[in-house]
Amino acid sequence: MMGGSFGGYMANWIATHTDRFQGIVSHASLWNLTSFGPSTDAAWYWKREFSQEMLEANSPHAFADRIVTPMLVIHGDKDYRVPISEGLSLWWALNEHYDGDPAEFPTGSCTSLTRTTGS
């Protein structure tokens, strides 16, 4: 399963709410909605459309500990609509919840990373 930008948000939401897929690709995705809004070039839109309560209830980052599906995180540092901090935050959450040996956490670079489960 894969998605980019808002589709990446959906990929992250799915990753935090099901183990149905064998792998998930999250590209230039929204991860932490509460910090994303003020960091995007369209902050006015997010402030207008979503209340703080809506952002908190629908932010995938709040469910990071539920991710069991291997993920590939792809993000570019020139994406001003979805800043790279979103991809880096997702990568860190995967790293933080990795259930294997931290020395074996699979990394390629900070913008293209995968997470594996201990099984």
PDB file of N, CA and C in Angstrom:
ATOM      1  N   MET A   1       0.854  -1.148   0.000  1.00  0.00           N
ATOM      2  CA  MET A   1       0.000   0.000   0.000  1.00  0.00           C
ATOM      3  C   MET A   1       0.905   1.217   0.000  1.00  0.00           C
ATOM      4  N   MET A   2       0.526   2.220  -0.753  1.00  0.00           N
ATOM      5  CA  MET A   2       1.362   3.422  -0.783  1.00  0.00           C
ATOM      6  C   MET A   2       0.537   4.670  -1.037  1.00  0.00           C
ATOM      7  N   GLY A   3       1.104   5.806  -0.635  1.00  0.00           N
ATOM      8  CA  GLY A   3       0.465   7.085  -0.899  1.00  0.00           C
ATOM      9  C   GLY A   3       1.450   8.216  -0.689  1.00  0.00           C
ATOM     10  N   GLY A   4       1.167   9.331  -1.352  1.00  0.00           N
ATOM     11  CA  GLY A   4       2.013  10.505  -1.235  1.00  0.00           C
ATOM     12  C   GLY A   4       1.196  11.735  -0.882  1.00  0.00           C
ATOM     13  N   SER A   5       1.790  12.635  -0.125  1.00  0.00           N
ATOM     14  CA  SER A   5       1.168  13.860   0.326  1.00  0.00           C
ATOM     15  C   SER A   5      -0.056  13.511   1.175  1.00  0.00           C
ATOM     16  N   PHE A   6      -1.261  13.903   0.777  1.00  0.00           N
ATOM     17  CA  PHE A   6      -2.414  13.506   1.586  1.00  0.00           C
ATOM     18  C   PHE A   6      -2.622  11.999   1.509  1.00  0.00           C
ATOM     19  N   GLY A   7      -2.281  11.388   0.369  1.00  0.00           N
ATOM     20  CA  GLY A   7      -2.298   9.926   0.270  1.00  0.00           C
ATOM     21  C   GLY A   7      -1.294   9.304   1.223  1.00  0.00           C
ATOM     22  N   GLY A   8      -0.193  10.011   1.474  1.00  0.00           N
ATOM     23  CA  GLY A   8       0.782   9.570   2.463  1.00  0.00           C
ATOM     24  C   GLY A   8       0.208   9.641   3.867  1.00  0.00           C
ATOM     25  N   TYR A   9      -0.584  10.684   4.119  1.00  0.00           N
ATOM     26  CA  TYR A   9      -1.298  10.761   5.396  1.00  0.00           C
ATOM     27  C   TYR A   9      -2.178   9.523   5.552  1.00  0.00           C
ATOM     28  N   MET A  10      -2.888   9.167   4.495  1.00  0.00           N
ATOM     29  CA  MET A  10      -3.754   7.985   4.545  1.00  0.00           C
ATOM     30  C   MET A  10      -2.930   6.719   4.753  1.00  0.00           C
ATOM     31  N   ALA A  11      -1.758   6.642   4.110  1.00  0.00           N
ATOM     32  CA  ALA A  11      -0.869   5.489   4.310  1.00  0.00           C
ATOM     33  C   ALA A  11      -0.458   5.401   5.780  1.00  0.00           C
ATOM     34  N   ASN A  12      -0.125   6.547   6.373  1.00  0.00           N
ATOM     35  CA  ASN A  12       0.262   6.564   7.783  1.00  0.00           C
ATOM     36  C   ASN A  12      -0.911   6.176   8.677  1.00  0.00           C
ATOM     37  N   TRP A  13      -2.094   6.669   8.352  1.00  0.00           N
ATOM     38  CA  TRP A  13      -3.280   6.326   9.140  1.00  0.00           C
ATOM     39  C   TRP A  13      -3.542   4.825   9.068  1.00  0.00           C
ATOM     40  N   ILE A  14      -3.452   4.277   7.866  1.00  0.00           N
ATOM     41  CA  ILE A  14      -3.654   2.838   7.686  1.00  0.00           C
ATOM     42  C   ILE A  14      -2.591   2.053   8.454  1.00  0.00           C
ATOM     43  N   ALA A  15      -1.336   2.509   8.391  1.00  0.00           N
ATOM     44  CA  ALA A  15      -0.254   1.818   9.103  1.00  0.00           C
ATOM     45  C   ALA A  15      -0.504   1.778  10.601  1.00  0.00           C
ATOM     46  N   THR A  16      -1.144   2.809  11.128  1.00  0.00           N
ATOM     47  CA  THR A  16      -1.392   2.873  12.569  1.00  0.00           C
ATOM     48  C   THR A  16      -2.696   2.184  12.981  1.00  0.00           C
ATOM     49  N   HIS A  17      -3.488   1.737  11.994  1.00  0.00           N
ATOM     50  CA  HIS A  17      -4.794   1.170  12.332  1.00  0.00           C
ATOM     51  C   HIS A  17      -5.062  -0.225  11.780  1.00  0.00           C
ATOM     52  N   THR A  18      -4.109  -0.813  11.051  1.00  0.00           N
ATOM     53  CA  THR A  18      -4.313  -2.179  10.551  1.00  0.00           C
ATOM     54  C   THR A  18      -2.966  -2.830  10.254  1.00  0.00           C
ATOM     55  N   ASP A  19      -2.970  -4.148  10.243  1.00  0.00           N
ATOM     56  CA  ASP A  19      -1.789  -4.901   9.825  1.00  0.00           C
ATOM     57  C   ASP A  19      -2.095  -5.669   8.538  1.00  0.00           C
ATOM     58  N   ARG A  20      -3.058  -5.192   7.794  1.00  0.00           N
ATOM     59  CA  ARG A  20      -3.576  -5.874   6.604  1.00  0.00           C
ATOM     60  C   ARG A  20      -2.573  -5.985   5.455  1.00  0.00           C
ATOM     61  N   PHE A  21      -1.636  -5.040   5.371  1.00  0.00           N
ATOM     62  CA  PHE A  21      -0.733  -4.990   4.227  1.00  0.00           C
ATOM     63  C   PHE A  21       0.645  -5.546   4.583  1.00  0.00           C
ATOM     64  N   GLN A  22       1.348  -6.041   3.559  1.00  0.00           N
ATOM     65  CA  GLN A  22       2.689  -6.592   3.774  1.00  0.00           C
ATOM     66  C   GLN A  22       3.745  -5.503   3.866  1.00  0.00           C
ATOM     67  N   GLY A  23       3.472  -4.349   3.303  1.00  0.00           N
ATOM     68  CA  GLY A  23       4.390  -3.230   3.346  1.00  0.00           C
ATOM     69  C   GLY A  23       3.656  -1.944   3.012  1.00  0.00           C
ATOM     70  N   ILE A  24       4.175  -0.826   3.503  1.00  0.00           N
ATOM     71  CA  ILE A  24       3.556   0.481   3.257  1.00  0.00           C
ATOM     72  C   ILE A  24       4.644   1.466   2.861  1.00  0.00           C
ATOM     73  N   VAL A  25       4.382   2.231   1.790  1.00  0.00           N
ATOM     74  CA  VAL A  25       5.272   3.305   1.367  1.00  0.00           C
ATOM     75  C   VAL A  25       4.585   4.622   1.707  1.00  0.00           C
ATOM     76  N   SER A  26       5.275   5.437   2.475  1.00  0.00           N
ATOM     77  CA  SER A  26       4.761   6.745   2.874  1.00  0.00           C
ATOM     78  C   SER A  26       5.655   7.798   2.223  1.00  0.00           C
ATOM     79  N   HIS A  27       5.095   8.520   1.257  1.00  0.00           N
ATOM     80  CA  HIS A  27       5.875   9.501   0.494  1.00  0.00           C
ATOM     81  C   HIS A  27       5.386  10.916   0.789  1.00  0.00           C
ATOM     82  N   ALA A  28       6.301  11.776   1.214  1.00  0.00           N
ATOM     83  CA  ALA A  28       5.983  13.193   1.483  1.00  0.00           C
ATOM     84  C   ALA A  28       4.676  13.309   2.259  1.00  0.00           C
ATOM     85  N   SER A  29       4.623  12.603   3.378  1.00  0.00           N
ATOM     86  CA  SER A  29       3.354  12.436   4.075  1.00  0.00           C
ATOM     87  C   SER A  29       3.193  13.326   5.297  1.00  0.00           C
ATOM     88  N   LEU A  30       1.954  13.536   5.673  1.00  0.00           N
ATOM     89  CA  LEU A  30       1.605  14.232   6.900  1.00  0.00           C
ATOM     90  C   LEU A  30       1.625  13.200   8.016  1.00  0.00           C
ATOM     91  N   TRP A  31       2.369  13.471   9.072  1.00  0.00           N
ATOM     92  CA  TRP A  31       2.519  12.529  10.174  1.00  0.00           C
ATOM     93  C   TRP A  31       1.950  13.103  11.471  1.00  0.00           C
ATOM     94  N   ASN A  32       2.408  14.260  11.867  1.00  0.00           N
ATOM     95  CA  ASN A  32       1.956  14.890  13.106  1.00  0.00           C
ATOM     96  C   ASN A  32       1.164  16.146  12.729  1.00  0.00           C
ATOM     97  N   LEU A  33      -0.129  16.026  12.704  1.00  0.00           N
ATOM     98  CA  LEU A  33      -0.970  17.131  12.240  1.00  0.00           C
ATOM     99  C   LEU A  33      -0.878  18.364  13.126  1.00  0.00           C
ATOM    100  N   THR A  34      -0.614  18.180  14.406  1.00  0.00           N
ATOM    101  CA  THR A  34      -0.559  19.340  15.295  1.00  0.00           C
ATOM    102  C   THR A  34       0.688  20.195  15.052  1.00  0.00           C
ATOM    103  N   SER A  35       1.782  19.587  14.625  1.00  0.00           N
ATOM    104  CA  SER A  35       2.980  20.376  14.322  1.00  0.00           C
ATOM    105  C   SER A  35       3.079  20.706  12.835  1.00  0.00           C
ATOM    106  N   PHE A  36       2.404  19.945  12.001  1.00  0.00           N
ATOM    107  CA  PHE A  36       2.449  20.176  10.564  1.00  0.00           C
ATOM    108  C   PHE A  36       1.840  21.520  10.177  1.00  0.00           C
ATOM    109  N   GLY A  37       0.677  21.831  10.703  1.00  0.00           N
ATOM    110  CA  GLY A  37      -0.057  23.040  10.320  1.00  0.00           C
ATOM    111  C   GLY A  37       0.773  24.307  10.298  1.00  0.00           C
ATOM    112  N   PRO A  38       1.457  24.633  11.383  1.00  0.00           N
ATOM    113  CA  PRO A  38       2.240  25.873  11.395  1.00  0.00           C
ATOM    114  C   PRO A  38       3.548  25.809  10.596  1.00  0.00           C
ATOM    115  N   SER A  39       3.951  24.620  10.136  1.00  0.00           N
ATOM    116  CA  SER A  39       5.227  24.513   9.420  1.00  0.00           C
ATOM    117  C   SER A  39       5.074  24.454   7.904  1.00  0.00           C
ATOM    118  N   THR A  40       3.860  24.349   7.401  1.00  0.00           N
ATOM    119  CA  THR A  40       3.631  24.276   5.967  1.00  0.00           C
ATOM    120  C   THR A  40       3.485  25.674   5.363  1.00  0.00           C
ATOM    121  N   ASP A  41       3.628  25.761   4.048  1.00  0.00           N
ATOM    122  CA  ASP A  41       3.446  27.063   3.395  1.00  0.00           C
ATOM    123  C   ASP A  41       1.972  27.436   3.272  1.00  0.00           C
ATOM    124  N   ALA A  42       1.074  26.547   3.671  1.00  0.00           N
ATOM    125  CA  ALA A  42      -0.366  26.827   3.631  1.00  0.00           C
ATOM    126  C   ALA A  42      -0.969  26.741   5.036  1.00  0.00           C
ATOM    127  N   ALA A  43      -0.258  27.295   6.001  1.00  0.00           N
ATOM    128  CA  ALA A  43      -0.712  27.231   7.393  1.00  0.00           C
ATOM    129  C   ALA A  43      -2.106  27.830   7.561  1.00  0.00           C
ATOM    130  N   TRP A  44      -2.422  28.871   6.819  1.00  0.00           N
ATOM    131  CA  TRP A  44      -3.729  29.521   6.909  1.00  0.00           C
ATOM    132  C   TRP A  44      -4.861  28.539   6.613  1.00  0.00           C
ATOM    133  N   TYR A  45      -4.625  27.624   5.669  1.00  0.00           N
ATOM    134  CA  TYR A  45      -5.646  26.650   5.296  1.00  0.00           C
ATOM    135  C   TYR A  45      -5.944  25.712   6.459  1.00  0.00           C
ATOM    136  N   TRP A  46      -4.900  25.184   7.073  1.00  0.00           N
ATOM    137  CA  TRP A  46      -5.080  24.231   8.170  1.00  0.00           C
ATOM    138  C   TRP A  46      -5.752  24.901   9.364  1.00  0.00           C
ATOM    139  N   LYS A  47      -5.381  26.117   9.643  1.00  0.00           N
ATOM    140  CA  LYS A  47      -5.998  26.838  10.766  1.00  0.00           C
ATOM    141  C   LYS A  47      -7.486  27.070  10.507  1.00  0.00           C
ATOM    142  N   ARG A  48      -7.836  27.346   9.257  1.00  0.00           N
ATOM    143  CA  ARG A  48      -9.228  27.610   8.895  1.00  0.00           C
ATOM    144  C   ARG A  48     -10.073  26.338   8.909  1.00  0.00           C
ATOM    145  N   GLU A  49      -9.512  25.229   8.462  1.00  0.00           N
ATOM    146  CA  GLU A  49     -10.291  24.007   8.248  1.00  0.00           C
ATOM    147  C   GLU A  49     -10.407  23.081   9.455  1.00  0.00           C
ATOM    148  N   PHE A  50      -9.407  23.113  10.347  1.00  0.00           N
ATOM    149  CA  PHE A  50      -9.379  22.119  11.413  1.00  0.00           C
ATOM    150  C   PHE A  50      -9.235  22.757  12.789  1.00  0.00           C
ATOM    151  N   SER A  51     -10.044  22.278  13.709  1.00  0.00           N
ATOM    152  CA  SER A  51      -9.895  22.706  15.101  1.00  0.00           C
ATOM    153  C   SER A  51      -8.733  21.928  15.724  1.00  0.00           C
ATOM    154  N   GLN A  52      -8.243  22.397  16.842  1.00  0.00           N
ATOM    155  CA  GLN A  52      -7.167  21.687  17.540  1.00  0.00           C
ATOM    156  C   GLN A  52      -7.615  20.284  17.917  1.00  0.00           C
ATOM    157  N   GLU A  53      -8.865  20.147  18.326  1.00  0.00           N
ATOM    158  CA  GLU A  53      -9.398  18.835  18.703  1.00  0.00           C
ATOM    159  C   GLU A  53      -9.409  17.885  17.512  1.00  0.00           C
ATOM    160  N   MET A  54      -9.781  18.383  16.329  1.00  0.00           N
ATOM    161  CA  MET A  54      -9.788  17.551  15.120  1.00  0.00           C
ATOM    162  C   MET A  54      -8.377  17.095  14.766  1.00  0.00           C
ATOM    163  N   LEU A  55      -7.414  18.014  14.865  1.00  0.00           N
ATOM    164  CA  LEU A  55      -6.029  17.668  14.550  1.00  0.00           C
ATOM    165  C   LEU A  55      -5.516  16.588  15.493  1.00  0.00           C
ATOM    166  N   GLU A  56      -5.771  16.737  16.768  1.00  0.00           N
ATOM    167  CA  GLU A  56      -5.286  15.775  17.753  1.00  0.00           C
ATOM    168  C   GLU A  56      -5.939  14.408  17.585  1.00  0.00           C
ATOM    169  N   ALA A  57      -7.229  14.367  17.285  1.00  0.00           N
ATOM    170  CA  ALA A  57      -7.945  13.098  17.149  1.00  0.00           C
ATOM    171  C   ALA A  57      -7.582  12.341  15.873  1.00  0.00           C
ATOM    172  N   ASN A  58      -7.117  13.057  14.849  1.00  0.00           N
ATOM    173  CA  ASN A  58      -6.883  12.435  13.539  1.00  0.00           C
ATOM    174  C   ASN A  58      -5.424  12.426  13.112  1.00  0.00           C
ATOM    175  N   SER A  59      -4.523  12.579  14.048  1.00  0.00           N
ATOM    176  CA  SER A  59      -3.110  12.603  13.731  1.00  0.00           C
ATOM    177  C   SER A  59      -2.498  11.213  13.901  1.00  0.00           C
ATOM    178  N   PRO A  60      -1.942  10.647  12.823  1.00  0.00           N
ATOM    179  CA  PRO A  60      -1.372   9.299  12.913  1.00  0.00           C
ATOM    180  C   PRO A  60      -0.292   9.162  13.988  1.00  0.00           C
ATOM    181  N   HIS A  61       0.452  10.224  14.248  1.00  0.00           N
ATOM    182  CA  HIS A  61       1.558  10.113  15.203  1.00  0.00           C
ATOM    183  C   HIS A  61       1.100   9.672  16.596  1.00  0.00           C
ATOM    184  N   ALA A  62      -0.145   9.939  16.928  1.00  0.00           N
ATOM    185  CA  ALA A  62      -0.673   9.568  18.238  1.00  0.00           C
ATOM    186  C   ALA A  62      -0.820   8.048  18.389  1.00  0.00           C
ATOM    187  N   PHE A  63      -0.739   7.335  17.264  1.00  0.00           N
ATOM    188  CA  PHE A  63      -0.919   5.883  17.275  1.00  0.00           C
ATOM    189  C   PHE A  63       0.342   5.145  16.804  1.00  0.00           C
ATOM    190  N   ALA A  64       1.475   5.801  16.876  1.00  0.00           N
ATOM    191  CA  ALA A  64       2.734   5.251  16.343  1.00  0.00           C
ATOM    192  C   ALA A  64       3.071   3.883  16.924  1.00  0.00           C
ATOM    193  N   ASP A  65       2.761   3.667  18.174  1.00  0.00           N
ATOM    194  CA  ASP A  65       3.113   2.397  18.811  1.00  0.00           C
ATOM    195  C   ASP A  65       2.327   1.212  18.268  1.00  0.00           C
ATOM    196  N   ARG A  66       1.330   1.461  17.433  1.00  0.00           N
ATOM    197  CA  ARG A  66       0.527   0.394  16.840  1.00  0.00           C
ATOM    198  C   ARG A  66       1.085  -0.119  15.517  1.00  0.00           C
ATOM    199  N   ILE A  67       2.088   0.524  14.960  1.00  0.00           N
ATOM    200  CA  ILE A  67       2.598   0.138  13.643  1.00  0.00           C
ATOM    201  C   ILE A  67       3.372  -1.171  13.740  1.00  0.00           C
ATOM    202  N   VAL A  68       2.951  -2.151  12.936  1.00  0.00           N
ATOM    203  CA  VAL A  68       3.649  -3.433  12.859  1.00  0.00           C
ATOM    204  C   VAL A  68       4.077  -3.762  11.425  1.00  0.00           C
ATOM    205  N   THR A  69       3.533  -3.059  10.460  1.00  0.00           N
ATOM    206  CA  THR A  69       3.835  -3.304   9.051  1.00  0.00           C
ATOM    207  C   THR A  69       5.139  -2.617   8.660  1.00  0.00           C
ATOM    208  N   PRO A  70       6.031  -3.304   7.941  1.00  0.00           N
ATOM    209  CA  PRO A  70       7.256  -2.642   7.455  1.00  0.00           C
ATOM    210  C   PRO A  70       6.901  -1.428   6.596  1.00  0.00           C
ATOM    211  N   MET A  71       7.646  -0.343   6.775  1.00  0.00           N
ATOM    212  CA  MET A  71       7.372   0.896   6.044  1.00  0.00           C
ATOM    213  C   MET A  71       8.625   1.419   5.363  1.00  0.00           C
ATOM    214  N   LEU A  72       8.416   2.018   4.208  1.00  0.00           N
ATOM    215  CA  LEU A  72       9.442   2.772   3.501  1.00  0.00           C
ATOM    216  C   LEU A  72       9.019   4.227   3.567  1.00  0.00           C
ATOM    217  N   VAL A  73       9.882   5.075   4.095  1.00  0.00           N
ATOM    218  CA  VAL A  73       9.593   6.504   4.235  1.00  0.00           C
ATOM    219  C   VAL A  73      10.431   7.255   3.212  1.00  0.00           C
ATOM    220  N   ILE A  74       9.764   8.012   2.337  1.00  0.00           N
ATOM    221  CA  ILE A  74      10.442   8.792   1.307  1.00  0.00           C
ATOM    222  C   ILE A  74       9.984  10.244   1.442  1.00  0.00           C
ATOM    223  N   HIS A  75      10.949  11.158   1.476  1.00  0.00           N
ATOM    224  CA  HIS A  75      10.585  12.571   1.597  1.00  0.00           C
ATOM    225  C   HIS A  75      11.718  13.424   1.057  1.00  0.00           C
ATOM    226  N   GLY A  76      11.387  14.510   0.395  1.00  0.00           N
ATOM    227  CA  GLY A  76      12.397  15.425  -0.118  1.00  0.00           C
ATOM    228  C   GLY A  76      12.478  16.683   0.719  1.00  0.00           C
ATOM    229  N   ASP A  77      13.665  17.276   0.777  1.00  0.00           N
ATOM    230  CA  ASP A  77      13.810  18.463   1.618  1.00  0.00           C
ATOM    231  C   ASP A  77      13.407  19.762   0.918  1.00  0.00           C
ATOM    232  N   LYS A  78      12.913  19.688  -0.311  1.00  0.00           N
ATOM    233  CA  LYS A  78      12.453  20.888  -1.018  1.00  0.00           C
ATOM    234  C   LYS A  78      10.921  20.921  -1.129  1.00  0.00           C
ATOM    235  N   ASP A  79      10.254  20.109  -0.348  1.00  0.00           N
ATOM    236  CA  ASP A  79       8.786  20.067  -0.340  1.00  0.00           C
ATOM    237  C   ASP A  79       8.305  21.058   0.704  1.00  0.00           C
ATOM    238  N   TYR A  80       7.813  22.210   0.267  1.00  0.00           N
ATOM    239  CA  TYR A  80       7.397  23.254   1.203  1.00  0.00           C
ATOM    240  C   TYR A  80       5.951  23.076   1.666  1.00  0.00           C
ATOM    241  N   ARG A  81       5.179  22.329   0.924  1.00  0.00           N
ATOM    242  CA  ARG A  81       3.801  22.058   1.335  1.00  0.00           C
ATOM    243  C   ARG A  81       3.785  21.064   2.493  1.00  0.00           C
ATOM    244  N   VAL A  82       4.619  20.035   2.389  1.00  0.00           N
ATOM    245  CA  VAL A  82       4.768  19.054   3.472  1.00  0.00           C
ATOM    246  C   VAL A  82       6.250  19.022   3.842  1.00  0.00           C
ATOM    247  N   PRO A  83       6.647  19.801   4.838  1.00  0.00           N
ATOM    248  CA  PRO A  83       8.061  19.911   5.198  1.00  0.00           C
ATOM    249  C   PRO A  83       8.703  18.577   5.580  1.00  0.00           C
ATOM    250  N   ILE A  84       9.992  18.485   5.358  1.00  0.00           N
ATOM    251  CA  ILE A  84      10.723  17.246   5.625  1.00  0.00           C
ATOM    252  C   ILE A  84      10.627  16.822   7.089  1.00  0.00           C
ATOM    253  N   SER A  85      10.327  17.753   7.966  1.00  0.00           N
ATOM    254  CA  SER A  85      10.179  17.399   9.385  1.00  0.00           C
ATOM    255  C   SER A  85       9.113  16.322   9.582  1.00  0.00           C
ATOM    256  N   GLU A  86       8.124  16.275   8.703  1.00  0.00           N
ATOM    257  CA  GLU A  86       7.095  15.234   8.805  1.00  0.00           C
ATOM    258  C   GLU A  86       7.686  13.853   8.544  1.00  0.00           C
ATOM    259  N   GLY A  87       8.494  13.730   7.485  1.00  0.00           N
ATOM    260  CA  GLY A  87       9.130  12.452   7.180  1.00  0.00           C
ATOM    261  C   GLY A  87      10.133  12.040   8.244  1.00  0.00           C
ATOM    262  N   LEU A  88      10.895  13.011   8.742  1.00  0.00           N
ATOM    263  CA  LEU A  88      11.874  12.713   9.782  1.00  0.00           C
ATOM    264  C   LEU A  88      11.193  12.304  11.084  1.00  0.00           C
ATOM    265  N   SER A  89      10.075  12.941  11.406  1.00  0.00           N
ATOM    266  CA  SER A  89       9.327  12.575  12.616  1.00  0.00           C
ATOM    267  C   SER A  89       8.761  11.167  12.507  1.00  0.00           C
ATOM    268  N   LEU A  90       8.250  10.824  11.326  1.00  0.00           N
ATOM    269  CA  LEU A  90       7.750   9.459  11.104  1.00  0.00           C
ATOM    270  C   LEU A  90       8.896   8.472  11.237  1.00  0.00           C
ATOM    271  N   TRP A  91      10.035   8.768  10.600  1.00  0.00           N
ATOM    272  CA  TRP A  91      11.186   7.869  10.689  1.00  0.00           C
ATOM    273  C   TRP A  91      11.601   7.668  12.134  1.00  0.00           C
ATOM    274  N   TRP A  92      11.642   8.752  12.912  1.00  0.00           N
ATOM    275  CA  TRP A  92      12.043   8.624  14.309  1.00  0.00           C
ATOM    276  C   TRP A  92      11.037   7.779  15.090  1.00  0.00           C
ATOM    277  N   ALA A  93       9.751   7.955  14.826  1.00  0.00           N
ATOM    278  CA  ALA A  93       8.734   7.154  15.518  1.00  0.00           C
ATOM    279  C   ALA A  93       8.918   5.671  15.203  1.00  0.00           C
ATOM    280  N   LEU A  94       9.228   5.358  13.951  1.00  0.00           N
ATOM    281  CA  LEU A  94       9.480   3.959  13.592  1.00  0.00           C
ATOM    282  C   LEU A  94      10.717   3.442  14.325  1.00  0.00           C
ATOM    283  N   ASN A  95      11.747   4.250  14.389  1.00  0.00           N
ATOM    284  CA  ASN A  95      12.977   3.884  15.076  1.00  0.00           C
ATOM    285  C   ASN A  95      12.719   3.686  16.572  1.00  0.00           C
ATOM    286  N   GLU A  96      11.978   4.611  17.138  1.00  0.00           N
ATOM    287  CA  GLU A  96      11.699   4.575  18.571  1.00  0.00           C
ATOM    288  C   GLU A  96      10.892   3.340  18.973  1.00  0.00           C
ATOM    289  N   HIS A  97      10.006   2.888  18.094  1.00  0.00           N
ATOM    290  CA  HIS A  97       9.140   1.746  18.395  1.00  0.00           C
ATOM    291  C   HIS A  97       9.655   0.444  17.788  1.00  0.00           C
ATOM    292  N   TYR A  98      10.851   0.477  17.210  1.00  0.00           N
ATOM    293  CA  TYR A  98      11.447  -0.718  16.618  1.00  0.00           C
ATOM    294  C   TYR A  98      11.696  -1.747  17.719  1.00  0.00           C
ATOM    295  N   ASP A  99      11.218  -2.962  17.505  1.00  0.00           N
ATOM    296  CA  ASP A  99      11.303  -3.958  18.567  1.00  0.00           C
ATOM    297  C   ASP A  99      12.505  -4.886  18.451  1.00  0.00           C
ATOM    298  N   GLY A 100      13.413  -4.597  17.545  1.00  0.00           N
ATOM    299  CA  GLY A 100      14.628  -5.395  17.413  1.00  0.00           C
ATOM    300  C   GLY A 100      15.815  -4.692  18.041  1.00  0.00           C
ATOM    301  N   ASP A 101      16.988  -5.184  17.725  1.00  0.00           N
ATOM    302  CA  ASP A 101      18.230  -4.584  18.201  1.00  0.00           C
ATOM    303  C   ASP A 101      18.410  -3.225  17.528  1.00  0.00           C
ATOM    304  N   PRO A 102      18.509  -2.126  18.294  1.00  0.00           N
ATOM    305  CA  PRO A 102      18.649  -0.791  17.690  1.00  0.00           C
ATOM    306  C   PRO A 102      19.834  -0.685  16.736  1.00  0.00           C
ATOM    307  N   ALA A 103      20.888  -1.464  16.982  1.00  0.00           N
ATOM    308  CA  ALA A 103      22.055  -1.443  16.099  1.00  0.00           C
ATOM    309  C   ALA A 103      21.736  -2.027  14.728  1.00  0.00           C
ATOM    310  N   GLU A 104      20.651  -2.786  14.637  1.00  0.00           N
ATOM    311  CA  GLU A 104      20.264  -3.409  13.373  1.00  0.00           C
ATOM    312  C   GLU A 104      19.118  -2.677  12.674  1.00  0.00           C
ATOM    313  N   PHE A 105      18.714  -1.515  13.201  1.00  0.00           N
ATOM    314  CA  PHE A 105      17.640  -0.764  12.560  1.00  0.00           C
ATOM    315  C   PHE A 105      18.076  -0.417  11.151  1.00  0.00           C
ATOM    316  N   PRO A 106      17.278  -0.823  10.147  1.00  0.00           N
ATOM    317  CA  PRO A 106      17.700  -0.620   8.758  1.00  0.00           C
ATOM    318  C   PRO A 106      17.604   0.845   8.343  1.00  0.00           C
ATOM    319  N   THR A 107      18.713   1.401   7.903  1.00  0.00           N
ATOM    320  CA  THR A 107      18.728   2.775   7.437  1.00  0.00           C
ATOM    321  C   THR A 107      19.488   2.874   6.140  1.00  0.00           C
ATOM    322  N   GLY A 108      19.070   3.810   5.302  1.00  0.00           N
ATOM    323  CA  GLY A 108      19.780   4.098   4.070  1.00  0.00           C
ATOM    324  C   GLY A 108      20.251   5.535   4.128  1.00  0.00           C
ATOM    325  N   SER A 109      19.319   6.414   4.388  1.00  0.00           N
ATOM    326  CA  SER A 109      19.588   7.825   4.627  1.00  0.00           C
ATOM    327  C   SER A 109      18.368   8.349   5.359  1.00  0.00           C
ATOM    328  N   CYS A 110      18.415   9.560   5.809  1.00  0.00           N
ATOM    329  CA  CYS A 110      17.287  10.083   6.593  1.00  0.00           C
ATOM    330  C   CYS A 110      16.051  10.364   5.748  1.00  0.00           C
ATOM    331  N   THR A 111      16.136  10.246   4.445  1.00  0.00           N
ATOM    332  CA  THR A 111      14.964  10.511   3.629  1.00  0.00           C
ATOM    333  C   THR A 111      14.441   9.279   2.915  1.00  0.00           C
ATOM    334  N   SER A 112      15.085   8.157   3.078  1.00  0.00           N
ATOM    335  CA  SER A 112      14.599   6.915   2.468  1.00  0.00           C
ATOM    336  C   SER A 112      14.948   5.774   3.408  1.00  0.00           C
ATOM    337  N   LEU A 113      13.989   5.429   4.265  1.00  0.00           N
ATOM    338  CA  LEU A 113      14.262   4.449   5.306  1.00  0.00           C
ATOM    339  C   LEU A 113      13.169   3.414   5.374  1.00  0.00           C
ATOM    340  N   THR A 114      13.491   2.256   5.906  1.00  0.00           N
ATOM    341  CA  THR A 114      12.511   1.217   6.097  1.00  0.00           C
ATOM    342  C   THR A 114      12.511   0.795   7.548  1.00  0.00           C
ATOM    343  N   ARG A 115      11.425   0.197   7.949  1.00  0.00           N
ATOM    344  CA  ARG A 115      11.329  -0.365   9.297  1.00  0.00           C
ATOM    345  C   ARG A 115      10.914  -1.810   9.133  1.00  0.00           C
ATOM    346  N   THR A 116      11.511  -2.685   9.880  1.00  0.00           N
ATOM    347  CA  THR A 116      11.103  -4.085   9.884  1.00  0.00           C
ATOM    348  C   THR A 116      10.614  -4.444  11.271  1.00  0.00           C
ATOM    349  N   THR A 117       9.836  -5.487  11.350  1.00  0.00           N
ATOM    350  CA  THR A 117       9.362  -5.948  12.650  1.00  0.00           C
ATOM    351  C   THR A 117      10.301  -7.033  13.138  1.00  0.00           C
ATOM    352  N   GLY A 118      10.183  -7.387  14.380  1.00  0.00           N
ATOM    353  CA  GLY A 118      11.041  -8.398  14.968  1.00  0.00           C
ATOM    354  C   GLY A 118      10.693  -9.809  14.538  1.00  0.00           C
ATOM    355  N   SER A 119       9.605 -10.009  13.805  1.00  0.00           N
ATOM    356  CA  SER A 119       9.205 -11.367  13.425  1.00  0.00           C
ATOM    357  C   SER A 119       9.805 -11.797  12.116  1.00  0.00           C
TER     358      SER A 119
END
